[in-house]
Amino acid sequence: GPSTVLMQASGFKPKSSIGPKVILGIIVLAVLLAAPTYLMFRDRLLGQAQPADGDLNLISPEDQSARLVKEGSSERAQGRYAAAIEHFHRALELAPNNLEIRFLLAQTYVVAGRIDDAARSCREILRISPEHLDARLQLAEIYRAKGNWNAAYREYRNIIELNQSSPQAADALAAIESQQAVAQMEERAKDALSRRRRSPAAIPSPPLA
């Protein structure tokens, strides 16, 4: 019968007294039982190899964070700062110790006009990594822009002490020299005004007869 032909074509030669139809039934049953397991592992492997573009849950947190940073950078380049900040915040939730993302966030706060938030981000970076020169320089510039010269001067000096040969140190030194020149000019102006106020007023000459 057909079952006998199939058994012969497969090269199976039964040596027991079990009938060909019974043996064929066992083979078919084994195939049916193995099929769901095969399909389950196949779908799982294919799903890992080719995640959907919009499904971030199928990739690692590092890859999700990198994708969010890329999207945030694109938003920032187009002037959509609120959207960029949102993307960077989400990226930080996945990689809270990534200082590059934190500095991107600080810079975006600056261009968005959120100076206090930018200063807070820079201070958080320096709390984690005190030798982060870019964050320290950004913080010094923020202090300088807000008129807090003492804090700015302190950060500039810290930059020079951390690495005298760095470009940031050169920028800091130039800023200090500029600050000192402005301070000297202001001091001279104050002295001149003070002397003018202390000098006696000119006595008017009596009218000619």
Protein backbone atom coordinates (compact mmCIF):
# COMPACT_ATOMS: atom_id res chain seq x y z
CA GLY A 1 0.00 0.00 0.00
CA PRO A 2 1.07 3.71 0.02
CA SER A 3 2.48 3.46 3.52
CA THR A 4 4.73 0.61 2.45
CA VAL A 5 5.95 2.61 -0.56
CA LEU A 6 6.73 5.63 1.69
CA MET A 7 8.63 3.45 4.14
CA GLN A 8 10.71 1.95 1.33
CA ALA A 9 11.42 5.38 -0.23
CA SER A 10 12.68 6.71 3.09
CA GLY A 11 15.04 3.79 3.45
CA PHE A 12 13.36 2.60 6.64
CA LYS A 13 13.41 -1.17 6.98
CA PRO A 14 11.49 -2.32 10.01
CA LYS A 15 12.92 -5.33 11.76
CA SER A 16 10.14 -5.72 14.28
CA SER A 17 6.72 -7.19 13.90
CA ILE A 18 5.10 -3.74 14.15
CA GLY A 19 3.12 -2.98 11.03
CA PRO A 20 4.22 -0.30 8.55
CA LYS A 21 1.08 1.77 9.19
CA VAL A 22 1.78 1.89 12.93
CA ILE A 23 5.38 2.97 12.39
CA LEU A 24 4.31 5.64 9.90
CA GLY A 25 1.78 6.93 12.40
CA ILE A 26 4.49 7.24 15.05
CA ILE A 27 6.70 9.22 12.63
CA VAL A 28 3.84 11.57 11.70
CA LEU A 29 2.97 12.10 15.37
CA ALA A 30 6.60 12.96 16.19
CA VAL A 31 6.69 15.51 13.36
CA LEU A 32 3.44 17.10 14.54
CA LEU A 33 4.76 17.38 18.10
CA ALA A 34 8.07 18.94 17.01
CA ALA A 35 6.54 21.52 14.64
CA PRO A 36 5.25 24.00 17.30
CA THR A 37 8.62 24.01 19.07
CA TYR A 38 10.43 24.70 15.79
CA LEU A 39 8.06 27.52 14.87
CA MET A 40 8.38 29.10 18.31
CA PHE A 41 12.19 29.23 18.17
CA ARG A 42 12.18 30.33 14.54
CA ASP A 43 9.91 33.31 15.29
CA ARG A 44 11.96 34.23 18.33
CA LEU A 45 15.24 34.20 16.42
CA LEU A 46 13.83 36.13 13.48
CA GLY A 47 12.31 38.68 15.85
CA GLN A 48 15.68 39.30 17.51
CA ALA A 49 17.54 39.54 14.23
CA GLN A 50 15.09 41.96 12.60
CA PRO A 51 13.33 44.18 15.17
CA ALA A 52 10.66 46.49 13.91
CA ASP A 53 11.82 50.05 13.40
CA GLY A 54 9.23 51.50 15.75
CA ASP A 55 9.46 48.86 18.47
CA LEU A 56 12.19 49.96 20.89
CA ASN A 57 11.34 47.16 23.31
CA LEU A 58 13.07 44.61 21.09
CA ILE A 59 16.55 46.19 21.24
CA SER A 60 19.02 46.77 24.06
CA PRO A 61 18.80 49.84 26.34
CA GLU A 62 22.10 51.11 24.90
CA ASP A 63 20.73 50.93 21.34
CA GLN A 64 17.47 52.55 22.42
CA SER A 65 19.43 55.38 24.06
CA ALA A 66 21.59 55.86 20.97
CA ARG A 67 18.50 56.04 18.79
CA LEU A 68 16.90 58.63 21.06
CA VAL A 69 20.09 60.73 21.03
CA LYS A 70 20.12 60.63 17.24
CA GLU A 71 16.50 61.73 17.09
CA GLY A 72 17.12 64.43 19.69
CA SER A 73 20.11 65.77 17.79
CA SER A 74 18.01 65.95 14.64
CA GLU A 75 15.29 67.87 16.48
CA ARG A 76 17.86 70.25 17.93
CA ALA A 77 19.41 70.91 14.50
CA GLN A 78 15.97 71.98 13.27
CA GLY A 79 15.43 74.32 16.21
CA ARG A 80 12.86 72.13 17.96
CA TYR A 81 14.54 72.39 21.34
CA ALA A 82 11.64 71.16 23.49
CA ALA A 83 11.42 67.94 21.48
CA ALA A 84 15.20 67.53 21.59
CA ILE A 85 15.25 67.96 25.37
CA GLU A 86 12.51 65.35 25.71
CA HIS A 87 14.50 62.85 23.63
CA PHE A 88 17.67 63.47 25.65
CA HIS A 89 15.78 63.00 28.91
CA ARG A 90 14.42 59.67 27.70
CA ALA A 91 17.89 58.63 26.60
CA LEU A 92 19.25 59.48 30.06
CA GLU A 93 16.63 57.31 31.70
CA LEU A 94 18.14 54.38 29.81
CA ALA A 95 21.78 55.45 30.32
CA PRO A 96 21.89 57.67 33.44
CA ASN A 97 25.71 57.63 33.66
CA ASN A 98 26.30 58.68 30.07
CA LEU A 99 28.03 62.06 30.42
CA GLU A 100 27.93 62.79 26.69
CA ILE A 101 24.14 62.74 26.76
CA ARG A 102 24.10 64.94 29.86
CA PHE A 103 26.36 67.48 28.17
CA LEU A 104 24.19 67.44 25.03
CA LEU A 105 21.25 68.18 27.29
CA ALA A 106 23.10 71.05 28.97
CA GLN A 107 24.04 72.59 25.62
CA THR A 108 20.48 72.28 24.40
CA TYR A 109 19.23 74.01 27.53
CA VAL A 110 21.61 76.89 26.75
CA VAL A 111 20.37 77.41 23.18
CA ALA A 112 16.78 77.06 24.42
CA GLY A 113 17.37 79.87 26.91
CA ARG A 114 16.93 77.64 29.95
CA ILE A 115 20.14 78.80 31.63
CA ASP A 116 19.39 77.62 35.15
CA ASP A 117 18.61 74.12 33.85
CA ALA A 118 21.85 74.18 31.85
CA ALA A 119 23.85 75.13 34.96
CA ARG A 120 22.15 72.36 36.93
CA SER A 121 23.03 69.80 34.23
CA CYS A 122 26.67 70.95 34.20
CA ARG A 123 26.91 70.68 37.97
CA GLU A 124 25.48 67.16 37.81
CA ILE A 125 28.14 66.20 35.26
CA LEU A 126 30.88 67.63 37.49
CA ARG A 127 29.48 65.78 40.46
CA ILE A 128 29.95 62.52 38.55
CA SER A 129 33.18 63.52 36.79
CA PRO A 130 34.99 66.60 38.22
CA GLU A 131 37.58 66.48 35.42
CA HIS A 132 34.99 67.03 32.68
CA LEU A 133 36.51 70.19 31.18
CA ASP A 134 33.77 70.95 28.66
CA ALA A 135 31.09 70.93 31.35
CA ARG A 136 33.25 73.09 33.64
CA LEU A 137 33.90 75.61 30.85
CA GLN A 138 30.19 75.70 30.00
CA LEU A 139 29.35 76.31 33.65
CA ALA A 140 31.95 79.10 33.87
CA GLU A 141 30.47 80.77 30.79
CA ILE A 142 27.00 80.53 32.32
CA TYR A 143 28.23 82.19 35.52
CA ARG A 144 29.98 84.84 33.45
CA ALA A 145 26.84 85.55 31.40
CA LYS A 146 24.82 85.93 34.60
CA GLY A 147 27.35 88.36 36.04
CA ASN A 148 28.57 85.99 38.74
CA TRP A 149 32.24 86.75 38.18
CA ASN A 150 33.53 85.15 41.35
CA ALA A 151 31.99 81.78 40.48
CA ALA A 152 33.13 82.10 36.87
CA TYR A 153 36.68 82.95 37.94
CA ARG A 154 36.72 79.93 40.26
CA GLU A 155 35.69 77.58 37.45
CA TYR A 156 38.22 79.07 35.03
CA ARG A 157 40.99 78.55 37.59
CA ASN A 158 39.84 74.95 38.11
CA ILE A 159 40.09 74.30 34.38
CA ILE A 160 43.67 75.57 34.25
CA GLU A 161 44.64 73.50 37.27
CA LEU A 162 43.12 70.35 35.80
CA ASN A 163 44.91 70.57 32.45
CA GLN A 164 47.07 73.54 31.55
CA SER A 165 47.65 72.33 27.98
CA SER A 166 43.99 71.87 27.08
CA PRO A 167 42.14 74.18 24.68
CA GLN A 168 39.61 74.74 27.45
CA ALA A 169 42.38 76.03 29.71
CA ALA A 170 43.52 78.46 27.01
CA ASP A 171 39.95 79.73 26.67
CA ALA A 172 39.71 80.01 30.44
CA LEU A 173 42.95 81.97 30.66
CA ALA A 174 41.77 84.37 27.97
CA ALA A 175 38.49 84.82 29.83
CA ILE A 176 40.32 85.53 33.09
CA GLU A 177 42.54 88.13 31.42
CA SER A 178 39.49 89.74 29.84
CA GLN A 179 37.71 89.70 33.18
CA GLN A 180 40.68 91.29 34.93
CA ALA A 181 40.94 94.01 32.28
CA VAL A 182 37.25 94.83 32.66
CA ALA A 183 37.58 94.84 36.46
CA GLN A 184 40.55 97.23 36.26
CA MET A 185 38.64 99.58 33.97
CA GLU A 186 35.66 99.55 36.31
CA GLU A 187 37.91 100.22 39.28
CA ARG A 188 39.58 103.18 37.56
CA ALA A 189 36.18 104.59 36.61
CA LYS A 190 34.98 104.29 40.20
CA ASP A 191 38.13 106.02 41.49
CA ALA A 192 37.73 108.89 39.03
CA LEU A 193 34.08 109.34 40.00
CA SER A 194 34.96 109.26 43.69
CA ARG A 195 37.67 111.92 43.28
CA ARG A 196 35.31 114.12 41.34
CA ARG A 197 32.74 113.91 44.08
CA ARG A 198 35.31 114.75 46.80
CA SER A 199 36.77 117.79 45.01
CA PRO A 200 35.38 121.21 46.17
CA ALA A 201 32.96 122.87 43.85
CA ALA A 202 34.32 125.78 41.85
CA ILE A 203 33.54 129.14 43.45
CA PRO A 204 31.89 131.41 40.91
CA SER A 205 33.74 134.66 40.16
CA PRO A 206 32.07 137.90 41.27
CA PRO A 207 30.46 139.89 38.49
CA LEU A 208 32.51 142.65 36.96
CA ALA A 209 31.51 146.24 37.96
